[in-house]
Amino acid sequence: MRYAKPQSTDEAIALLGSDTWRLLAGGTDFYPAQGSRPIRDNILDLNGLADLRHVTHSQDSVIFGARATWTDVIRAELPPAFDCLKLAAREVGSVQIQNTGTIAGNLCNASPAADGVPPLLTLDAQVELRSRAATRMIPLHDFILGNRDTARQADELVTAIHVPRAAAAGVSHFVKLGARRYLVISIAMTAVRLTLDGERRVADAAIAVGACSAVARRLPALERAIVGLPAGSGLAKTVESYDFAELSPIDDVRGTGVYRLAAAREIVARAVDGAVAKAIGKPAEVAA
């Protein structure tokens, strides 16, 4: 077993190209997953990479460094389209977990119930991966392949998550259903981002649901169905009549597939209402 704690991204990438490593970022999922078993893997501790802990703005995107914590996300100055991500950040475990857990770790863990994924899907997020050979960008919906499975290659490091300026428009909301209010894994969750035109009709919509399929899913058919509708009761009726065919919820200890599907329909309607309320000047509660 080897242990290394690089102090720069270049050093980390060089190490990744030289051996097989298990990555340790915030560590909030690493240790629970390890349990009482002895560690026999080579461990690459990324907590020394200060250059990857940032939330910055470029001309084309909002960029979250891979080591940005959920507390960093909550405190960052971001437009209303990111309210869904801030609300999700408040749902990631406890304050202590939010202080340590990282945005990239949440994606790389690839849990179907990862709180950060639906909001980032509605923001058309792209994942930046670097190796010694190249840097590539991959859409988030192509990065997470399944439960605990991503498109990251063994010699690659996730270095940032980019949200294009075009997707940072409008307002957003996030709703999570769990067995209790805090410190809970989702039964179902949703993020909704809406843009209204001057006549208060939906000009653009992005809707994603998590914990109801092997990976969180955008609902493009529902998005198309509500575009052009006035901000009012017609939106909720459209959601209620939608079949949610993109989802494939399972039965587990937190709920049945049938319950999850019904829950998804209800929380999407609530998230749409929450986003509309913000758009017309009656903002829902958002973590500041």
C-alpha atoms as a PDB file:
ATOM      1  CA  MET A   1       0.000   0.000   0.000  1.00  0.00           C
ATOM      2  CA  ARG A   2       1.141   3.534  -0.850  1.00  0.00           C
ATOM      3  CA  TYR A   3      -0.140   6.834   0.514  1.00  0.00           C
ATOM      4  CA  ALA A   4       0.493  10.166  -1.221  1.00  0.00           C
ATOM      5  CA  LYS A   5      -0.795  13.690  -0.568  1.00  0.00           C
ATOM      6  CA  PRO A   6       0.205  15.870  -3.526  1.00  0.00           C
ATOM      7  CA  GLN A   7       0.301  19.632  -3.106  1.00  0.00           C
ATOM      8  CA  SER A   8      -0.500  20.548  -6.709  1.00  0.00           C
ATOM      9  CA  THR A   9      -2.807  19.298  -9.433  1.00  0.00           C
ATOM     10  CA  ASP A  10       0.112  18.575 -11.748  1.00  0.00           C
ATOM     11  CA  GLU A  11       1.715  16.390  -9.071  1.00  0.00           C
ATOM     12  CA  ALA A  12      -1.571  14.530  -8.505  1.00  0.00           C
ATOM     13  CA  ILE A  13      -2.009  13.873 -12.229  1.00  0.00           C
ATOM     14  CA  ALA A  14       1.569  12.612 -12.523  1.00  0.00           C
ATOM     15  CA  LEU A  15       0.945  10.159  -9.699  1.00  0.00           C
ATOM     16  CA  LEU A  16      -2.321   8.992 -11.282  1.00  0.00           C
ATOM     17  CA  GLY A  17      -0.429   8.144 -14.442  1.00  0.00           C
ATOM     18  CA  SER A  18       2.164   6.085 -12.597  1.00  0.00           C
ATOM     19  CA  ASP A  19       0.099   3.630 -10.542  1.00  0.00           C
ATOM     20  CA  THR A  20      -3.416   2.516  -9.570  1.00  0.00           C
ATOM     21  CA  TRP A  21      -4.927   4.680  -6.830  1.00  0.00           C
ATOM     22  CA  ARG A  22      -8.046   5.023  -4.752  1.00  0.00           C
ATOM     23  CA  LEU A  23      -8.885   8.721  -4.495  1.00  0.00           C
ATOM     24  CA  LEU A  24      -9.637  10.441  -1.200  1.00  0.00           C
ATOM     25  CA  ALA A  25     -11.239  13.880  -1.444  1.00  0.00           C
ATOM     26  CA  GLY A  26     -13.436  15.135   1.413  1.00  0.00           C
ATOM     27  CA  GLY A  27     -13.593  11.593   2.786  1.00  0.00           C
ATOM     28  CA  THR A  28     -17.227  11.806   3.868  1.00  0.00           C
ATOM     29  CA  ASP A  29     -18.154   8.702   1.828  1.00  0.00           C
ATOM     30  CA  PHE A  30     -14.721   7.071   1.813  1.00  0.00           C
ATOM     31  CA  TYR A  31     -14.682   5.963   5.436  1.00  0.00           C
ATOM     32  CA  PRO A  32     -18.322   4.780   5.732  1.00  0.00           C
ATOM     33  CA  ALA A  33     -17.812   2.712   2.562  1.00  0.00           C
ATOM     34  CA  GLN A  34     -14.593   1.232   3.967  1.00  0.00           C
ATOM     35  CA  GLY A  35     -16.184   0.147   7.220  1.00  0.00           C
ATOM     36  CA  SER A  36     -13.978  -1.970   9.476  1.00  0.00           C
ATOM     37  CA  ARG A  37     -12.047  -3.571   6.624  1.00  0.00           C
ATOM     38  CA  PRO A  38      -8.303  -2.841   6.453  1.00  0.00           C
ATOM     39  CA  ILE A  39      -7.240  -0.451   3.699  1.00  0.00           C
ATOM     40  CA  ARG A  40      -5.143  -2.308   1.140  1.00  0.00           C
ATOM     41  CA  ASP A  41      -5.381   0.143  -1.800  1.00  0.00           C
ATOM     42  CA  ASN A  42      -2.935   2.851  -2.751  1.00  0.00           C
ATOM     43  CA  ILE A  43      -4.479   6.067  -1.411  1.00  0.00           C
ATOM     44  CA  LEU A  44      -4.116   9.376  -3.238  1.00  0.00           C
ATOM     45  CA  ASP A  45      -5.220  12.076  -0.788  1.00  0.00           C
ATOM     46  CA  LEU A  46      -6.430  15.128  -2.716  1.00  0.00           C
ATOM     47  CA  ASN A  47      -7.032  17.336   0.308  1.00  0.00           C
ATOM     48  CA  GLY A  48      -3.776  19.206  -0.282  1.00  0.00           C
ATOM     49  CA  LEU A  49      -4.889  20.577  -3.665  1.00  0.00           C
ATOM     50  CA  ALA A  50      -5.716  24.147  -2.663  1.00  0.00           C
ATOM     51  CA  ASP A  51      -5.752  25.204  -6.334  1.00  0.00           C
ATOM     52  CA  LEU A  52      -8.909  23.123  -6.893  1.00  0.00           C
ATOM     53  CA  ARG A  53     -10.916  24.769  -4.103  1.00  0.00           C
ATOM     54  CA  HIS A  54     -12.682  27.730  -5.696  1.00  0.00           C
ATOM     55  CA  VAL A  55     -15.897  29.046  -7.209  1.00  0.00           C
ATOM     56  CA  THR A  56     -15.000  31.424 -10.032  1.00  0.00           C
ATOM     57  CA  HIS A  57     -16.623  33.207 -12.962  1.00  0.00           C
ATOM     58  CA  SER A  58     -15.259  33.353 -16.479  1.00  0.00           C
ATOM     59  CA  GLN A  59     -16.697  35.054 -19.529  1.00  0.00           C
ATOM     60  CA  ASP A  60     -18.331  31.801 -20.635  1.00  0.00           C
ATOM     61  CA  SER A  61     -19.030  29.865 -17.441  1.00  0.00           C
ATOM     62  CA  VAL A  62     -19.314  29.560 -13.708  1.00  0.00           C
ATOM     63  CA  ILE A  63     -16.578  27.186 -12.590  1.00  0.00           C
ATOM     64  CA  PHE A  64     -16.594  25.078  -9.455  1.00  0.00           C
ATOM     65  CA  GLY A  65     -13.175  23.720  -8.590  1.00  0.00           C
ATOM     66  CA  ALA A  66     -13.337  20.013  -7.843  1.00  0.00           C
ATOM     67  CA  ARG A  67     -12.485  20.581  -4.183  1.00  0.00           C
ATOM     68  CA  ALA A  68     -15.100  23.300  -3.630  1.00  0.00           C
ATOM     69  CA  THR A  69     -17.097  22.207  -0.597  1.00  0.00           C
ATOM     70  CA  TRP A  70     -20.844  22.438  -0.192  1.00  0.00           C
ATOM     71  CA  THR A  71     -20.287  25.275   2.261  1.00  0.00           C
ATOM     72  CA  ASP A  72     -18.297  27.072  -0.442  1.00  0.00           C
ATOM     73  CA  VAL A  73     -21.273  26.625  -2.792  1.00  0.00           C
ATOM     74  CA  ILE A  74     -23.720  27.955  -0.198  1.00  0.00           C
ATOM     75  CA  ARG A  75     -21.593  31.056   0.443  1.00  0.00           C
ATOM     76  CA  ALA A  76     -20.733  31.817  -3.189  1.00  0.00           C
ATOM     77  CA  GLU A  77     -22.243  34.810  -4.990  1.00  0.00           C
ATOM     78  CA  LEU A  78     -24.316  33.107  -7.685  1.00  0.00           C
ATOM     79  CA  PRO A  79     -27.347  34.102  -9.789  1.00  0.00           C
ATOM     80  CA  PRO A  80     -30.857  32.790  -8.959  1.00  0.00           C
ATOM     81  CA  ALA A  81     -30.510  29.906 -11.425  1.00  0.00           C
ATOM     82  CA  PHE A  82     -28.163  28.348  -8.835  1.00  0.00           C
ATOM     83  CA  ASP A  83     -30.686  28.504  -5.980  1.00  0.00           C
ATOM     84  CA  CYS A  84     -31.493  24.832  -6.596  1.00  0.00           C
ATOM     85  CA  LEU A  85     -27.826  23.931  -6.097  1.00  0.00           C
ATOM     86  CA  LYS A  86     -27.598  25.984  -2.907  1.00  0.00           C
ATOM     87  CA  LEU A  87     -30.743  24.359  -1.528  1.00  0.00           C
ATOM     88  CA  ALA A  88     -29.335  20.928  -2.388  1.00  0.00           C
ATOM     89  CA  ALA A  89     -26.057  21.860  -0.660  1.00  0.00           C
ATOM     90  CA  ARG A  90     -28.019  22.478   2.536  1.00  0.00           C
ATOM     91  CA  GLU A  91     -29.397  18.933   2.280  1.00  0.00           C
ATOM     92  CA  VAL A  92     -25.994  17.214   2.088  1.00  0.00           C
ATOM     93  CA  GLY A  93     -25.676  15.594   5.505  1.00  0.00           C
ATOM     94  CA  SER A  94     -24.833  17.889   8.410  1.00  0.00           C
ATOM     95  CA  VAL A  95     -22.989  21.210   8.513  1.00  0.00           C
ATOM     96  CA  GLN A  96     -19.813  19.272   9.274  1.00  0.00           C
ATOM     97  CA  ILE A  97     -20.303  17.181   6.124  1.00  0.00           C
ATOM     98  CA  GLN A  98     -21.033  20.329   4.097  1.00  0.00           C
ATOM     99  CA  ASN A  99     -17.775  21.842   5.383  1.00  0.00           C
ATOM    100  CA  THR A 100     -15.780  18.841   4.147  1.00  0.00           C
ATOM    101  CA  GLY A 101     -17.653  17.103   1.324  1.00  0.00           C
ATOM    102  CA  THR A 102     -16.771  18.290  -2.162  1.00  0.00           C
ATOM    103  CA  ILE A 103     -18.860  18.932  -5.234  1.00  0.00           C
ATOM    104  CA  ALA A 104     -16.704  16.651  -7.403  1.00  0.00           C
ATOM    105  CA  GLY A 105     -16.714  13.932  -4.757  1.00  0.00           C
ATOM    106  CA  ASN A 106     -20.519  13.948  -4.836  1.00  0.00           C
ATOM    107  CA  LEU A 107     -20.439  13.376  -8.598  1.00  0.00           C
ATOM    108  CA  CYS A 108     -17.648  10.788  -8.574  1.00  0.00           C
ATOM    109  CA  ASN A 109     -19.360   8.818  -5.818  1.00  0.00           C
ATOM    110  CA  ALA A 110     -22.145   8.378  -8.396  1.00  0.00           C
ATOM    111  CA  SER A 111     -24.906   7.510  -5.971  1.00  0.00           C
ATOM    112  CA  PRO A 112     -28.404   7.545  -7.503  1.00  0.00           C
ATOM    113  CA  ALA A 113     -29.380   9.690  -4.503  1.00  0.00           C
ATOM    114  CA  ALA A 114     -26.522  12.222  -4.770  1.00  0.00           C
ATOM    115  CA  ASP A 115     -28.121  15.557  -3.868  1.00  0.00           C
ATOM    116  CA  GLY A 116     -25.936  17.662  -6.145  1.00  0.00           C
ATOM    117  CA  VAL A 117     -26.657  15.848  -9.391  1.00  0.00           C
ATOM    118  CA  PRO A 118     -30.224  16.992 -10.290  1.00  0.00           C
ATOM    119  CA  PRO A 119     -29.407  20.708  -9.817  1.00  0.00           C
ATOM    120  CA  LEU A 120     -26.239  20.401 -11.891  1.00  0.00           C
ATOM    121  CA  LEU A 121     -28.172  18.564 -14.606  1.00  0.00           C
ATOM    122  CA  THR A 122     -30.631  21.457 -14.864  1.00  0.00           C
ATOM    123  CA  LEU A 123     -27.617  23.772 -15.211  1.00  0.00           C
ATOM    124  CA  ASP A 124     -26.192  21.754 -18.143  1.00  0.00           C
ATOM    125  CA  ALA A 125     -23.015  21.159 -16.142  1.00  0.00           C
ATOM    126  CA  GLN A 126     -19.901  19.785 -17.787  1.00  0.00           C
ATOM    127  CA  VAL A 127     -17.163  17.857 -16.009  1.00  0.00           C
ATOM    128  CA  GLU A 128     -13.525  18.735 -16.646  1.00  0.00           C
ATOM    129  CA  LEU A 129     -11.103  15.784 -16.515  1.00  0.00           C
ATOM    130  CA  ARG A 130      -7.322  16.053 -16.786  1.00  0.00           C
ATOM    131  CA  SER A 131      -4.675  13.437 -17.404  1.00  0.00           C
ATOM    132  CA  ARG A 132      -1.012  13.725 -18.404  1.00  0.00           C
ATOM    133  CA  ALA A 133      -2.098  13.313 -22.028  1.00  0.00           C
ATOM    134  CA  ALA A 134      -5.057  15.693 -22.308  1.00  0.00           C
ATOM    135  CA  THR A 135      -7.866  17.694 -20.781  1.00  0.00           C
ATOM    136  CA  ARG A 136     -11.411  16.831 -21.803  1.00  0.00           C
ATOM    137  CA  MET A 137     -14.892  18.111 -21.047  1.00  0.00           C
ATOM    138  CA  ILE A 138     -17.826  15.743 -20.765  1.00  0.00           C
ATOM    139  CA  PRO A 139     -21.500  16.601 -20.092  1.00  0.00           C
ATOM    140  CA  LEU A 140     -22.603  15.520 -16.632  1.00  0.00           C
ATOM    141  CA  HIS A 141     -25.336  13.318 -18.102  1.00  0.00           C
ATOM    142  CA  ASP A 142     -22.603  11.343 -19.886  1.00  0.00           C
ATOM    143  CA  PHE A 143     -20.211  11.338 -16.930  1.00  0.00           C
ATOM    144  CA  ILE A 144     -22.342   9.359 -14.463  1.00  0.00           C
ATOM    145  CA  LEU A 145     -22.952   5.980 -16.094  1.00  0.00           C
ATOM    146  CA  GLY A 146     -24.720   4.123 -13.281  1.00  0.00           C
ATOM    147  CA  ASN A 147     -24.648   3.357  -9.579  1.00  0.00           C
ATOM    148  CA  ARG A 148     -21.030   4.017  -8.452  1.00  0.00           C
ATOM    149  CA  ASP A 149     -19.892   4.111 -12.079  1.00  0.00           C
ATOM    150  CA  THR A 150     -18.487   7.090 -13.979  1.00  0.00           C
ATOM    151  CA  ALA A 151     -16.670   7.811 -17.236  1.00  0.00           C
ATOM    152  CA  ARG A 152     -13.485   8.866 -15.397  1.00  0.00           C
ATOM    153  CA  GLN A 153     -10.463   6.893 -16.547  1.00  0.00           C
ATOM    154  CA  ALA A 154      -7.936   5.585 -14.016  1.00  0.00           C
ATOM    155  CA  ASP A 155      -5.333   8.180 -15.040  1.00  0.00           C
ATOM    156  CA  GLU A 156      -7.773  11.120 -14.980  1.00  0.00           C
ATOM    157  CA  LEU A 157      -8.602  13.602 -12.255  1.00  0.00           C
ATOM    158  CA  VAL A 158     -11.820  15.605 -12.123  1.00  0.00           C
ATOM    159  CA  THR A 159     -10.539  19.160 -11.814  1.00  0.00           C
ATOM    160  CA  ALA A 160     -13.661  21.307 -12.228  1.00  0.00           C
ATOM    161  CA  ILE A 161     -17.363  21.480 -13.014  1.00  0.00           C
ATOM    162  CA  HIS A 162     -18.360  24.121 -15.556  1.00  0.00           C
ATOM    163  CA  VAL A 163     -21.816  25.660 -15.893  1.00  0.00           C
ATOM    164  CA  PRO A 164     -22.233  27.586 -19.171  1.00  0.00           C
ATOM    165  CA  ARG A 165     -23.559  31.123 -18.925  1.00  0.00           C
ATOM    166  CA  ALA A 166     -26.478  30.216 -21.174  1.00  0.00           C
ATOM    167  CA  ALA A 167     -27.716  27.767 -18.539  1.00  0.00           C
ATOM    168  CA  ALA A 168     -27.276  30.229 -15.682  1.00  0.00           C
ATOM    169  CA  ALA A 169     -30.470  32.074 -16.643  1.00  0.00           C
ATOM    170  CA  GLY A 170     -33.834  32.150 -14.928  1.00  0.00           C
ATOM    171  CA  VAL A 171     -34.746  30.952 -11.441  1.00  0.00           C
ATOM    172  CA  SER A 172     -34.670  27.555  -9.812  1.00  0.00           C
ATOM    173  CA  HIS A 173     -35.891  25.459  -6.919  1.00  0.00           C
ATOM    174  CA  PHE A 174     -35.040  22.128  -5.270  1.00  0.00           C
ATOM    175  CA  VAL A 175     -37.261  19.743  -3.314  1.00  0.00           C
ATOM    176  CA  LYS A 176     -36.084  16.623  -1.492  1.00  0.00           C
ATOM    177  CA  LEU A 177     -38.255  13.947   0.088  1.00  0.00           C
ATOM    178  CA  GLY A 178     -36.773  11.843   2.867  1.00  0.00           C
ATOM    179  CA  ALA A 179     -37.914   9.961   5.933  1.00  0.00           C
ATOM    180  CA  ARG A 180     -36.993  12.986   8.068  1.00  0.00           C
ATOM    181  CA  ARG A 181     -35.964  16.594   7.521  1.00  0.00           C
ATOM    182  CA  TYR A 182     -32.164  16.350   7.832  1.00  0.00           C
ATOM    183  CA  LEU A 183     -29.343  13.783   7.678  1.00  0.00           C
ATOM    184  CA  VAL A 184     -31.255  11.507   5.343  1.00  0.00           C
ATOM    185  CA  ILE A 185     -30.809   9.779   1.994  1.00  0.00           C
ATOM    186  CA  SER A 186     -33.425  10.825  -0.556  1.00  0.00           C
ATOM    187  CA  ILE A 187     -36.520   8.833  -1.373  1.00  0.00           C
ATOM    188  CA  ALA A 188     -36.925  11.213  -4.315  1.00  0.00           C
ATOM    189  CA  MET A 189     -35.659  14.686  -5.173  1.00  0.00           C
ATOM    190  CA  THR A 190     -36.003  17.171  -7.975  1.00  0.00           C
ATOM    191  CA  ALA A 191     -34.473  20.369  -9.297  1.00  0.00           C
ATOM    192  CA  VAL A 192     -36.328  22.756 -11.603  1.00  0.00           C
ATOM    193  CA  ARG A 193     -34.976  25.783 -13.479  1.00  0.00           C
ATOM    194  CA  LEU A 194     -37.408  28.067 -15.315  1.00  0.00           C
ATOM    195  CA  THR A 195     -37.184  31.214 -17.399  1.00  0.00           C
ATOM    196  CA  LEU A 196     -40.368  33.250 -17.940  1.00  0.00           C
ATOM    197  CA  ASP A 197     -40.922  35.706 -20.771  1.00  0.00           C
ATOM    198  CA  GLY A 198     -42.441  39.177 -20.503  1.00  0.00           C
ATOM    199  CA  GLU A 199     -45.949  37.711 -20.567  1.00  0.00           C
ATOM    200  CA  ARG A 200     -45.143  35.306 -17.729  1.00  0.00           C
ATOM    201  CA  ARG A 201     -45.076  32.296 -19.978  1.00  0.00           C
ATOM    202  CA  VAL A 202     -42.438  29.612 -19.639  1.00  0.00           C
ATOM    203  CA  ALA A 203     -39.707  30.422 -22.152  1.00  0.00           C
ATOM    204  CA  ASP A 204     -37.276  27.703 -21.056  1.00  0.00           C
ATOM    205  CA  ALA A 205     -37.423  24.797 -18.608  1.00  0.00           C
ATOM    206  CA  ALA A 206     -34.997  22.274 -17.150  1.00  0.00           C
ATOM    207  CA  ILE A 207     -36.282  19.528 -14.833  1.00  0.00           C
ATOM    208  CA  ALA A 208     -34.295  16.683 -13.273  1.00  0.00           C
ATOM    209  CA  VAL A 209     -35.238  13.942 -10.808  1.00  0.00           C
ATOM    210  CA  GLY A 210     -32.883  11.927  -8.600  1.00  0.00           C
ATOM    211  CA  ALA A 211     -33.168   8.735  -6.512  1.00  0.00           C
ATOM    212  CA  CYS A 212     -35.804   7.369  -8.896  1.00  0.00           C
ATOM    213  CA  SER A 213     -33.514   5.555 -11.360  1.00  0.00           C
ATOM    214  CA  ALA A 214     -29.950   4.268 -11.502  1.00  0.00           C
ATOM    215  CA  VAL A 215     -28.812   7.785 -12.400  1.00  0.00           C
ATOM    216  CA  ALA A 216     -30.573  11.117 -11.995  1.00  0.00           C
ATOM    217  CA  ARG A 217     -32.557  11.995 -15.119  1.00  0.00           C
ATOM    218  CA  ARG A 218     -33.589  15.107 -16.991  1.00  0.00           C
ATOM    219  CA  LEU A 219     -37.231  15.051 -18.165  1.00  0.00           C
ATOM    220  CA  PRO A 220     -37.013  16.596 -21.653  1.00  0.00           C
ATOM    221  CA  ALA A 221     -40.555  15.697 -22.726  1.00  0.00           C
ATOM    222  CA  LEU A 222     -42.030  17.386 -19.650  1.00  0.00           C
ATOM    223  CA  GLU A 223     -39.764  20.386 -20.208  1.00  0.00           C
ATOM    224  CA  ARG A 224     -41.115  20.741 -23.751  1.00  0.00           C
ATOM    225  CA  ALA A 225     -44.687  20.284 -22.522  1.00  0.00           C
ATOM    226  CA  ILE A 226     -44.569  23.269 -20.161  1.00  0.00           C
ATOM    227  CA  VAL A 227     -42.681  25.652 -22.444  1.00  0.00           C
ATOM    228  CA  GLY A 228     -45.141  28.258 -23.697  1.00  0.00           C
ATOM    229  CA  LEU A 229     -47.606  27.737 -20.855  1.00  0.00           C
ATOM    230  CA  PRO A 230     -48.535  30.656 -18.604  1.00  0.00           C
ATOM    231  CA  ALA A 231     -47.170  30.613 -15.056  1.00  0.00           C
ATOM    232  CA  GLY A 232     -50.222  29.297 -13.234  1.00  0.00           C
ATOM    233  CA  SER A 233     -52.272  26.230 -12.444  1.00  0.00           C
ATOM    234  CA  GLY A 234     -51.814  24.848 -15.957  1.00  0.00           C
ATOM    235  CA  LEU A 235     -48.210  23.979 -15.112  1.00  0.00           C
ATOM    236  CA  ALA A 236     -49.220  21.782 -12.181  1.00  0.00           C
ATOM    237  CA  LYS A 237     -51.886  20.057 -14.289  1.00  0.00           C
ATOM    238  CA  THR A 238     -49.313  19.274 -16.971  1.00  0.00           C
ATOM    239  CA  VAL A 239     -46.977  17.783 -14.364  1.00  0.00           C
ATOM    240  CA  GLU A 240     -49.802  15.744 -12.815  1.00  0.00           C
ATOM    241  CA  SER A 241     -50.741  14.227 -16.175  1.00  0.00           C
ATOM    242  CA  TYR A 242     -47.148  13.413 -17.183  1.00  0.00           C
ATOM    243  CA  ASP A 243     -46.150   9.710 -17.160  1.00  0.00           C
ATOM    244  CA  PHE A 244     -42.523  10.159 -15.977  1.00  0.00           C
ATOM    245  CA  ALA A 245     -41.455   7.389 -18.359  1.00  0.00           C
ATOM    246  CA  GLU A 246     -37.784   8.408 -18.043  1.00  0.00           C
ATOM    247  CA  LEU A 247     -37.735   7.126 -14.457  1.00  0.00           C
ATOM    248  CA  SER A 248     -37.305   3.533 -13.264  1.00  0.00           C
ATOM    249  CA  PRO A 249     -37.729   3.654  -9.474  1.00  0.00           C
ATOM    250  CA  ILE A 250     -36.936   0.568  -7.416  1.00  0.00           C
ATOM    251  CA  ASP A 251     -38.291  -0.908  -4.202  1.00  0.00           C
ATOM    252  CA  ASP A 252     -35.931  -0.578  -1.226  1.00  0.00           C
ATOM    253  CA  VAL A 253     -36.011   0.114   2.498  1.00  0.00           C
ATOM    254  CA  ARG A 254     -36.809   3.784   1.891  1.00  0.00           C
ATOM    255  CA  GLY A 255     -39.857   3.252  -0.317  1.00  0.00           C
ATOM    256  CA  THR A 256     -41.459   1.264  -3.103  1.00  0.00           C
ATOM    257  CA  GLY A 257     -41.097   2.086  -6.763  1.00  0.00           C
ATOM    258  CA  VAL A 258     -44.796   2.949  -6.948  1.00  0.00           C
ATOM    259  CA  TYR A 259     -44.461   5.350  -4.036  1.00  0.00           C
ATOM    260  CA  ARG A 260     -41.347   6.933  -5.518  1.00  0.00           C
ATOM    261  CA  LEU A 261     -43.104   7.567  -8.817  1.00  0.00           C
ATOM    262  CA  ALA A 262     -46.040   9.225  -7.069  1.00  0.00           C
ATOM    263  CA  ALA A 263     -43.624  11.210  -4.914  1.00  0.00           C
ATOM    264  CA  ALA A 264     -41.669  12.368  -7.958  1.00  0.00           C
ATOM    265  CA  ARG A 265     -44.845  13.703  -9.573  1.00  0.00           C
ATOM    266  CA  GLU A 266     -45.737  15.621  -6.410  1.00  0.00           C
ATOM    267  CA  ILE A 267     -42.312  17.123  -5.702  1.00  0.00           C
ATOM    268  CA  VAL A 268     -41.784  18.162  -9.331  1.00  0.00           C
ATOM    269  CA  ALA A 269     -45.088  20.048  -9.134  1.00  0.00           C
ATOM    270  CA  ARG A 270     -43.946  21.693  -5.899  1.00  0.00           C
ATOM    271  CA  ALA A 271     -40.547  22.614  -7.351  1.00  0.00           C
ATOM    272  CA  VAL A 272     -42.202  24.128 -10.436  1.00  0.00           C
ATOM    273  CA  ASP A 273     -44.478  26.177  -8.155  1.00  0.00           C
ATOM    274  CA  GLY A 274     -41.460  27.253  -6.106  1.00  0.00           C
ATOM    275  CA  ALA A 275     -39.556  28.386  -9.179  1.00  0.00           C
ATOM    276  CA  VAL A 276     -42.578  30.275 -10.528  1.00  0.00           C
ATOM    277  CA  ALA A 277     -43.042  32.023  -7.170  1.00  0.00           C
ATOM    278  CA  LYS A 278     -39.474  33.320  -7.360  1.00  0.00           C
ATOM    279  CA  ALA A 279     -39.862  34.367 -10.986  1.00  0.00           C
ATOM    280  CA  ILE A 280     -42.920  36.497 -10.264  1.00  0.00           C
ATOM    281  CA  GLY A 281     -41.425  38.102  -7.185  1.00  0.00           C
ATOM    282  CA  LYS A 282     -42.511  35.867  -4.314  1.00  0.00           C
ATOM    283  CA  PRO A 283     -39.236  34.065  -3.559  1.00  0.00           C
ATOM    284  CA  ALA A 284     -39.288  30.752  -1.763  1.00  0.00           C
ATOM    285  CA  GLU A 285     -36.846  30.207   1.091  1.00  0.00           C
ATOM    286  CA  VAL A 286     -33.286  29.783  -0.142  1.00  0.00           C
ATOM    287  CA  ALA A 287     -30.210  29.064   1.946  1.00  0.00           C
ATOM    288  CA  ALA A 288     -28.093  32.193   2.125  1.00  0.00           C
END
